[in-house]
């Protein structure tokens, strides 16, 4: 029986998933499995996409639909419900859609080896769907989090700084900085989030969810100040394997 999987988002030129799963299917000798990209310009196109592709068993969800997709799902697992963001959908034989968040698993597994005692407070750059998964994990670990956003007027939390507010005192107080925005992603490889990098020190850890390029401008600027830097490739691989487990779990 043919089993198809795919990725929805818009645009999808930056996608890692198709190459990852195609290589996985070949490596593990899985016949009858395919992974496709579905760049939909509007999340309202999802029901028709499911209807037109009856072999679909699962979807990954990326920017900008991790939050808006929830309105089109029949059910959410507990983690996705708590976060309010979905990046993985399991499609049952009767076309019921259940949403999960595997970003949580991927981020938790990938950041654990790098955390040290001074990383007790974190600045999360961005307030989109990915930032919610990052916040969920860091909160569970016991790390105090604040967000940084371009538009503070629309912030739903009091724990928010604008980029303009960031100064030496704030950067010194937050030794972990996580970029959850697409700033610096290929092809805009010379762009970097607008933080005052001159205050970054060797006790900082800069984690970038972007994985293409492998060393982003954000990471380069942190490294130049002596900081430890990590990209999002390990997180992506971990969340992809978790999605595969969910899609193929009989329950």
C-alpha atoms as a PDB file:
ATOM      1  CA  UNK A   1       0.000   0.000   0.000  1.00  0.00           C
ATOM      2  CA  UNK A   2       1.314   3.416  -1.009  1.00  0.00           C
ATOM      3  CA  UNK A   3       2.013   5.737   1.924  1.00  0.00           C
ATOM      4  CA  UNK A   4       2.654   9.402   1.214  1.00  0.00           C
ATOM      5  CA  UNK A   5       3.872  12.151   3.512  1.00  0.00           C
ATOM      6  CA  UNK A   6       4.648  15.802   2.949  1.00  0.00           C
ATOM      7  CA  UNK A   7       5.266  19.329   4.126  1.00  0.00           C
ATOM      8  CA  UNK A   8       2.896  22.291   4.012  1.00  0.00           C
ATOM      9  CA  UNK A   9       4.044  25.890   4.318  1.00  0.00           C
ATOM     10  CA  UNK A  10       4.743  28.889   2.108  1.00  0.00           C
ATOM     11  CA  UNK A  11       7.183  29.318   0.489  1.00  0.00           C
ATOM     12  CA  UNK A  12       9.030  25.993   0.700  1.00  0.00           C
ATOM     13  CA  UNK A  13      12.288  26.745  -1.112  1.00  0.00           C
ATOM     14  CA  UNK A  14      14.199  26.330   2.183  1.00  0.00           C
ATOM     15  CA  UNK A  15      12.857  22.855   3.005  1.00  0.00           C
ATOM     16  CA  UNK A  16      15.081  20.199   4.580  1.00  0.00           C
ATOM     17  CA  UNK A  17      12.319  17.626   4.977  1.00  0.00           C
ATOM     18  CA  UNK A  18      11.993  16.237   1.435  1.00  0.00           C
ATOM     19  CA  UNK A  19      15.714  15.402   1.112  1.00  0.00           C
ATOM     20  CA  UNK A  20      15.794  14.001   4.668  1.00  0.00           C
ATOM     21  CA  UNK A  21      12.834  11.647   4.232  1.00  0.00           C
ATOM     22  CA  UNK A  22      13.737  10.615   0.652  1.00  0.00           C
ATOM     23  CA  UNK A  23      17.211   9.602   1.889  1.00  0.00           C
ATOM     24  CA  UNK A  24      15.662   7.847   4.898  1.00  0.00           C
ATOM     25  CA  UNK A  25      13.299   5.798   2.694  1.00  0.00           C
ATOM     26  CA  UNK A  26      16.195   4.771   0.440  1.00  0.00           C
ATOM     27  CA  UNK A  27      18.561   3.983   3.325  1.00  0.00           C
ATOM     28  CA  UNK A  28      15.964   1.904   5.181  1.00  0.00           C
ATOM     29  CA  UNK A  29      14.738   0.267   1.969  1.00  0.00           C
ATOM     30  CA  UNK A  30      11.161   1.489   2.459  1.00  0.00           C
ATOM     31  CA  UNK A  31       9.258   0.935  -0.767  1.00  0.00           C
ATOM     32  CA  UNK A  32       5.854   2.503  -1.346  1.00  0.00           C
ATOM     33  CA  UNK A  33       6.736   5.652   0.662  1.00  0.00           C
ATOM     34  CA  UNK A  34       7.051   9.111  -0.801  1.00  0.00           C
ATOM     35  CA  UNK A  35       7.540  12.588   0.645  1.00  0.00           C
ATOM     36  CA  UNK A  36       6.384  15.672  -1.272  1.00  0.00           C
ATOM     37  CA  UNK A  37       6.350  19.442  -0.804  1.00  0.00           C
ATOM     38  CA  UNK A  38       2.964  21.179  -0.798  1.00  0.00           C
ATOM     39  CA  UNK A  39       3.516  24.955  -0.933  1.00  0.00           C
ATOM     40  CA  UNK A  40       0.022  26.279  -0.234  1.00  0.00           C
ATOM     41  CA  UNK A  41      -0.480  30.045  -0.378  1.00  0.00           C
ATOM     42  CA  UNK A  42      -3.379  29.880   2.088  1.00  0.00           C
ATOM     43  CA  UNK A  43      -4.010  27.457   4.979  1.00  0.00           C
ATOM     44  CA  UNK A  44      -7.651  27.307   3.827  1.00  0.00           C
ATOM     45  CA  UNK A  45      -6.412  25.071   0.976  1.00  0.00           C
ATOM     46  CA  UNK A  46      -5.589  22.240   3.433  1.00  0.00           C
ATOM     47  CA  UNK A  47      -8.962  20.382   3.308  1.00  0.00           C
ATOM     48  CA  UNK A  48      -8.828  20.253  -0.517  1.00  0.00           C
ATOM     49  CA  UNK A  49      -5.199  19.076  -0.401  1.00  0.00           C
ATOM     50  CA  UNK A  50      -6.191  16.160   1.874  1.00  0.00           C
ATOM     51  CA  UNK A  51      -9.131  15.340  -0.399  1.00  0.00           C
ATOM     52  CA  UNK A  52      -6.976  15.387  -3.550  1.00  0.00           C
ATOM     53  CA  UNK A  53      -4.285  13.164  -1.998  1.00  0.00           C
ATOM     54  CA  UNK A  54      -6.003  10.144  -0.382  1.00  0.00           C
ATOM     55  CA  UNK A  55      -2.644   8.328   0.122  1.00  0.00           C
ATOM     56  CA  UNK A  56      -1.436  11.033   2.542  1.00  0.00           C
ATOM     57  CA  UNK A  57      -0.733   9.578   6.007  1.00  0.00           C
ATOM     58  CA  UNK A  58       1.069  12.503   7.571  1.00  0.00           C
ATOM     59  CA  UNK A  59       2.169  16.099   7.099  1.00  0.00           C
ATOM     60  CA  UNK A  60       4.813  18.353   8.569  1.00  0.00           C
ATOM     61  CA  UNK A  61       3.841  22.002   9.023  1.00  0.00           C
ATOM     62  CA  UNK A  62       6.218  24.950   8.715  1.00  0.00           C
ATOM     63  CA  UNK A  63       6.141  28.776   8.504  1.00  0.00           C
ATOM     64  CA  UNK A  64       3.658  30.460   8.472  1.00  0.00           C
ATOM     65  CA  UNK A  65       0.993  27.867   9.409  1.00  0.00           C
ATOM     66  CA  UNK A  66       2.079  26.336  12.751  1.00  0.00           C
ATOM     67  CA  UNK A  67      -0.656  28.229  14.614  1.00  0.00           C
ATOM     68  CA  UNK A  68      -3.343  28.849  11.972  1.00  0.00           C
ATOM     69  CA  UNK A  69      -3.490  25.142  11.003  1.00  0.00           C
ATOM     70  CA  UNK A  70      -5.083  24.300  14.379  1.00  0.00           C
ATOM     71  CA  UNK A  71      -8.504  25.525  13.195  1.00  0.00           C
ATOM     72  CA  UNK A  72      -8.490  22.766  10.521  1.00  0.00           C
ATOM     73  CA  UNK A  73      -7.651  19.851  12.818  1.00  0.00           C
ATOM     74  CA  UNK A  74     -10.014  17.404  14.534  1.00  0.00           C
ATOM     75  CA  UNK A  75      -7.818  16.811  17.571  1.00  0.00           C
ATOM     76  CA  UNK A  76      -4.620  17.978  19.302  1.00  0.00           C
ATOM     77  CA  UNK A  77      -2.281  15.994  21.510  1.00  0.00           C
ATOM     78  CA  UNK A  78      -1.618  17.411  24.991  1.00  0.00           C
ATOM     79  CA  UNK A  79       1.709  19.106  24.160  1.00  0.00           C
ATOM     80  CA  UNK A  80       0.401  20.801  21.012  1.00  0.00           C
ATOM     81  CA  UNK A  81      -2.659  21.954  22.969  1.00  0.00           C
ATOM     82  CA  UNK A  82      -0.510  23.421  25.755  1.00  0.00           C
ATOM     83  CA  UNK A  83       1.738  25.249  23.291  1.00  0.00           C
ATOM     84  CA  UNK A  84      -0.832  26.393  20.748  1.00  0.00           C
ATOM     85  CA  UNK A  85       1.342  25.404  17.781  1.00  0.00           C
ATOM     86  CA  UNK A  86       1.483  22.315  15.539  1.00  0.00           C
ATOM     87  CA  UNK A  87       4.243  21.130  13.204  1.00  0.00           C
ATOM     88  CA  UNK A  88       3.113  17.531  12.626  1.00  0.00           C
ATOM     89  CA  UNK A  89      -0.243  16.127  11.518  1.00  0.00           C
ATOM     90  CA  UNK A  90      -1.271  12.471  11.575  1.00  0.00           C
ATOM     91  CA  UNK A  91      -3.953  11.619   8.997  1.00  0.00           C
ATOM     92  CA  UNK A  92      -6.054   8.595   9.932  1.00  0.00           C
ATOM     93  CA  UNK A  93      -7.640   6.295   7.285  1.00  0.00           C
ATOM     94  CA  UNK A  94     -10.980   8.085   7.812  1.00  0.00           C
ATOM     95  CA  UNK A  95      -9.225  11.447   7.140  1.00  0.00           C
ATOM     96  CA  UNK A  96      -9.311  12.641  10.744  1.00  0.00           C
ATOM     97  CA  UNK A  97      -6.461  15.057  11.437  1.00  0.00           C
ATOM     98  CA  UNK A  98      -4.579  15.046  14.746  1.00  0.00           C
ATOM     99  CA  UNK A  99      -1.962  17.721  15.485  1.00  0.00           C
ATOM    100  CA  UNK A 100       1.306  17.249  17.375  1.00  0.00           C
ATOM    101  CA  UNK A 101       4.336  19.376  18.169  1.00  0.00           C
ATOM    102  CA  UNK A 102       7.589  17.508  17.509  1.00  0.00           C
ATOM    103  CA  UNK A 103       9.616  20.751  17.672  1.00  0.00           C
ATOM    104  CA  UNK A 104       9.440  20.324  21.455  1.00  0.00           C
ATOM    105  CA  UNK A 105      11.090  16.898  21.325  1.00  0.00           C
ATOM    106  CA  UNK A 106      13.678  18.059  18.769  1.00  0.00           C
ATOM    107  CA  UNK A 107      14.647  21.214  20.641  1.00  0.00           C
ATOM    108  CA  UNK A 108      14.839  19.474  24.029  1.00  0.00           C
ATOM    109  CA  UNK A 109      17.109  16.704  22.704  1.00  0.00           C
ATOM    110  CA  UNK A 110      19.372  19.061  20.767  1.00  0.00           C
ATOM    111  CA  UNK A 111      19.948  21.765  23.406  1.00  0.00           C
ATOM    112  CA  UNK A 112      20.472  19.477  26.427  1.00  0.00           C
ATOM    113  CA  UNK A 113      24.197  18.785  25.826  1.00  0.00           C
ATOM    114  CA  UNK A 114      25.007  22.519  25.647  1.00  0.00           C
ATOM    115  CA  UNK A 115      23.283  23.864  28.749  1.00  0.00           C
ATOM    116  CA  UNK A 116      25.467  24.994  31.656  1.00  0.00           C
ATOM    117  CA  UNK A 117      24.741  26.500  35.064  1.00  0.00           C
ATOM    118  CA  UNK A 118      24.962  30.120  33.818  1.00  0.00           C
ATOM    119  CA  UNK A 119      22.165  29.507  31.304  1.00  0.00           C
ATOM    120  CA  UNK A 120      19.421  30.188  33.852  1.00  0.00           C
ATOM    121  CA  UNK A 121      17.734  32.933  31.808  1.00  0.00           C
ATOM    122  CA  UNK A 122      16.934  32.986  28.083  1.00  0.00           C
ATOM    123  CA  UNK A 123      16.018  35.561  25.468  1.00  0.00           C
ATOM    124  CA  UNK A 124      13.829  34.047  22.758  1.00  0.00           C
ATOM    125  CA  UNK A 125      14.028  36.065  19.535  1.00  0.00           C
ATOM    126  CA  UNK A 126      10.634  35.956  17.799  1.00  0.00           C
ATOM    127  CA  UNK A 127       7.089  35.166  18.929  1.00  0.00           C
ATOM    128  CA  UNK A 128       5.857  32.759  16.208  1.00  0.00           C
ATOM    129  CA  UNK A 129       4.963  29.062  16.417  1.00  0.00           C
ATOM    130  CA  UNK A 130       8.561  27.858  16.858  1.00  0.00           C
ATOM    131  CA  UNK A 131       9.134  30.267  19.765  1.00  0.00           C
ATOM    132  CA  UNK A 132       6.254  28.619  21.644  1.00  0.00           C
ATOM    133  CA  UNK A 133       7.896  25.184  21.446  1.00  0.00           C
ATOM    134  CA  UNK A 134      11.235  26.650  22.605  1.00  0.00           C
ATOM    135  CA  UNK A 135       9.536  28.445  25.510  1.00  0.00           C
ATOM    136  CA  UNK A 136       7.700  25.262  26.542  1.00  0.00           C
ATOM    137  CA  UNK A 137      10.970  23.280  26.722  1.00  0.00           C
ATOM    138  CA  UNK A 138      13.002  25.946  28.522  1.00  0.00           C
ATOM    139  CA  UNK A 139      10.220  26.519  31.058  1.00  0.00           C
ATOM    140  CA  UNK A 140      10.106  22.761  31.778  1.00  0.00           C
ATOM    141  CA  UNK A 141      13.878  22.764  32.356  1.00  0.00           C
ATOM    142  CA  UNK A 142      13.467  25.693  34.785  1.00  0.00           C
ATOM    143  CA  UNK A 143      14.962  28.444  32.609  1.00  0.00           C
ATOM    144  CA  UNK A 144      13.422  31.898  32.976  1.00  0.00           C
ATOM    145  CA  UNK A 145      12.393  33.223  29.531  1.00  0.00           C
ATOM    146  CA  UNK A 146      11.713  36.596  27.943  1.00  0.00           C
ATOM    147  CA  UNK A 147      10.766  37.203  24.316  1.00  0.00           C
ATOM    148  CA  UNK A 148      12.152  39.787  21.896  1.00  0.00           C
ATOM    149  CA  UNK A 149       9.864  41.117  19.173  1.00  0.00           C
ATOM    150  CA  UNK A 150       9.825  43.769  16.465  1.00  0.00           C
ATOM    151  CA  UNK A 151       6.318  44.867  17.445  1.00  0.00           C
ATOM    152  CA  UNK A 152       5.869  45.051  21.195  1.00  0.00           C
ATOM    153  CA  UNK A 153       2.393  46.620  20.907  1.00  0.00           C
ATOM    154  CA  UNK A 154       0.898  43.262  19.826  1.00  0.00           C
ATOM    155  CA  UNK A 155       2.658  41.253  22.569  1.00  0.00           C
ATOM    156  CA  UNK A 156       0.397  38.988  24.641  1.00  0.00           C
ATOM    157  CA  UNK A 157       2.899  38.658  27.494  1.00  0.00           C
ATOM    158  CA  UNK A 158       4.575  41.173  29.795  1.00  0.00           C
ATOM    159  CA  UNK A 159       7.859  39.297  29.416  1.00  0.00           C
ATOM    160  CA  UNK A 160       8.686  40.959  26.123  1.00  0.00           C
ATOM    161  CA  UNK A 161      11.432  43.333  25.014  1.00  0.00           C
ATOM    162  CA  UNK A 162      11.634  45.190  21.726  1.00  0.00           C
ATOM    163  CA  UNK A 163      14.972  44.964  19.892  1.00  0.00           C
ATOM    164  CA  UNK A 164      15.510  48.665  20.640  1.00  0.00           C
ATOM    165  CA  UNK A 165      15.321  48.020  24.390  1.00  0.00           C
ATOM    166  CA  UNK A 166      18.164  45.490  24.424  1.00  0.00           C
ATOM    167  CA  UNK A 167      21.222  46.923  26.173  1.00  0.00           C
ATOM    168  CA  UNK A 168      24.370  45.755  27.952  1.00  0.00           C
ATOM    169  CA  UNK A 169      22.515  45.031  31.212  1.00  0.00           C
ATOM    170  CA  UNK A 170      19.874  42.833  29.507  1.00  0.00           C
ATOM    171  CA  UNK A 171      22.367  40.925  27.353  1.00  0.00           C
ATOM    172  CA  UNK A 172      24.551  40.282  30.431  1.00  0.00           C
ATOM    173  CA  UNK A 173      21.546  39.006  32.377  1.00  0.00           C
ATOM    174  CA  UNK A 174      20.476  36.494  29.682  1.00  0.00           C
ATOM    175  CA  UNK A 175      23.274  34.059  28.894  1.00  0.00           C
ATOM    176  CA  UNK A 176      21.149  31.948  26.525  1.00  0.00           C
ATOM    177  CA  UNK A 177      19.804  33.541  23.329  1.00  0.00           C
ATOM    178  CA  UNK A 178      17.646  31.488  20.946  1.00  0.00           C
ATOM    179  CA  UNK A 179      16.769  32.750  17.470  1.00  0.00           C
ATOM    180  CA  UNK A 180      13.381  31.350  16.396  1.00  0.00           C
ATOM    181  CA  UNK A 181      12.956  33.806  13.494  1.00  0.00           C
ATOM    182  CA  UNK A 182      13.866  33.011   9.853  1.00  0.00           C
ATOM    183  CA  UNK A 183      16.284  35.995   9.789  1.00  0.00           C
ATOM    184  CA  UNK A 184      19.592  34.868   8.280  1.00  0.00           C
ATOM    185  CA  UNK A 185      18.120  31.857   6.468  1.00  0.00           C
ATOM    186  CA  UNK A 186      19.253  31.148   2.898  1.00  0.00           C
ATOM    187  CA  UNK A 187      19.205  33.123   0.596  1.00  0.00           C
ATOM    188  CA  UNK A 188      19.384  36.122   3.019  1.00  0.00           C
ATOM    189  CA  UNK A 189      22.593  34.778   4.556  1.00  0.00           C
ATOM    190  CA  UNK A 190      24.080  38.167   5.485  1.00  0.00           C
ATOM    191  CA  UNK A 191      21.129  39.143   7.674  1.00  0.00           C
ATOM    192  CA  UNK A 192      21.139  38.712  11.460  1.00  0.00           C
ATOM    193  CA  UNK A 193      18.673  39.526  14.258  1.00  0.00           C
ATOM    194  CA  UNK A 194      19.220  43.087  15.489  1.00  0.00           C
ATOM    195  CA  UNK A 195      20.709  42.498  18.933  1.00  0.00           C
ATOM    196  CA  UNK A 196      23.767  44.349  20.379  1.00  0.00           C
ATOM    197  CA  UNK A 197      26.379  41.645  19.690  1.00  0.00           C
ATOM    198  CA  UNK A 198      29.149  43.728  21.302  1.00  0.00           C
ATOM    199  CA  UNK A 199      27.800  42.691  24.730  1.00  0.00           C
ATOM    200  CA  UNK A 200      27.891  38.937  24.001  1.00  0.00           C
ATOM    201  CA  UNK A 201      30.566  37.125  26.040  1.00  0.00           C
ATOM    202  CA  UNK A 202      32.239  33.711  26.282  1.00  0.00           C
ATOM    203  CA  UNK A 203      29.642  32.663  28.875  1.00  0.00           C
ATOM    204  CA  UNK A 204      26.812  33.061  26.316  1.00  0.00           C
ATOM    205  CA  UNK A 205      25.197  30.279  24.291  1.00  0.00           C
ATOM    206  CA  UNK A 206      23.596  31.352  20.993  1.00  0.00           C
ATOM    207  CA  UNK A 207      21.227  28.761  19.507  1.00  0.00           C
ATOM    208  CA  UNK A 208      19.847  29.371  15.995  1.00  0.00           C
ATOM    209  CA  UNK A 209      16.852  27.338  14.770  1.00  0.00           C
ATOM    210  CA  UNK A 210      18.026  28.195  11.241  1.00  0.00           C
ATOM    211  CA  UNK A 211      20.130  25.378   9.718  1.00  0.00           C
ATOM    212  CA  UNK A 212      20.813  26.744   6.216  1.00  0.00           C
ATOM    213  CA  UNK A 213      23.496  28.096   6.119  1.00  0.00           C
ATOM    214  CA  UNK A 214      25.140  25.795   8.694  1.00  0.00           C
ATOM    215  CA  UNK A 215      26.790  28.830  10.298  1.00  0.00           C
ATOM    216  CA  UNK A 216      24.449  31.807  10.214  1.00  0.00           C
ATOM    217  CA  UNK A 217      25.462  35.440  10.599  1.00  0.00           C
ATOM    218  CA  UNK A 218      23.880  35.334  14.092  1.00  0.00           C
ATOM    219  CA  UNK A 219      26.222  32.458  14.991  1.00  0.00           C
ATOM    220  CA  UNK A 220      29.270  34.100  13.373  1.00  0.00           C
ATOM    221  CA  UNK A 221      28.764  37.319  15.357  1.00  0.00           C
ATOM    222  CA  UNK A 222      28.330  35.364  18.598  1.00  0.00           C
ATOM    223  CA  UNK A 223      31.406  33.252  17.886  1.00  0.00           C
ATOM    224  CA  UNK A 224      33.471  36.400  17.238  1.00  0.00           C
ATOM    225  CA  UNK A 225      32.632  37.430  20.833  1.00  0.00           C
ATOM    226  CA  UNK A 226      33.706  34.043  22.210  1.00  0.00           C
ATOM    227  CA  UNK A 227      30.194  32.600  22.659  1.00  0.00           C
ATOM    228  CA  UNK A 228      29.239  28.951  22.117  1.00  0.00           C
ATOM    229  CA  UNK A 229      26.988  28.584  19.057  1.00  0.00           C
ATOM    230  CA  UNK A 230      24.638  25.840  17.794  1.00  0.00           C
ATOM    231  CA  UNK A 231      22.458  25.595  14.684  1.00  0.00           C
ATOM    232  CA  UNK A 232      19.082  23.890  14.259  1.00  0.00           C
ATOM    233  CA  UNK A 233      20.120  20.839  12.219  1.00  0.00           C
ATOM    234  CA  UNK A 234      20.119  18.372  15.110  1.00  0.00           C
ATOM    235  CA  UNK A 235      16.715  19.688  16.233  1.00  0.00           C
ATOM    236  CA  UNK A 236      15.327  19.160  12.719  1.00  0.00           C
ATOM    237  CA  UNK A 237      16.585  15.587  12.512  1.00  0.00           C
ATOM    238  CA  UNK A 238      15.209  14.763  15.963  1.00  0.00           C
ATOM    239  CA  UNK A 239      11.784  16.275  15.228  1.00  0.00           C
ATOM    240  CA  UNK A 240      11.628  14.503  11.847  1.00  0.00           C
ATOM    241  CA  UNK A 241      12.272  11.109  13.479  1.00  0.00           C
ATOM    242  CA  UNK A 242       9.639  11.864  16.128  1.00  0.00           C
ATOM    243  CA  UNK A 243       7.147  12.746  13.354  1.00  0.00           C
ATOM    244  CA  UNK A 244       7.922   9.429  11.633  1.00  0.00           C
ATOM    245  CA  UNK A 245       7.289   7.586  14.897  1.00  0.00           C
ATOM    246  CA  UNK A 246       3.914   9.361  15.331  1.00  0.00           C
ATOM    247  CA  UNK A 247       2.785   8.679  11.740  1.00  0.00           C
ATOM    248  CA  UNK A 248       3.605   4.983  12.081  1.00  0.00           C
ATOM    249  CA  UNK A 249       2.322   4.440  15.612  1.00  0.00           C
ATOM    250  CA  UNK A 250      -0.841   2.299  15.332  1.00  0.00           C
ATOM    251  CA  UNK A 251      -2.591   4.083  18.244  1.00  0.00           C
END
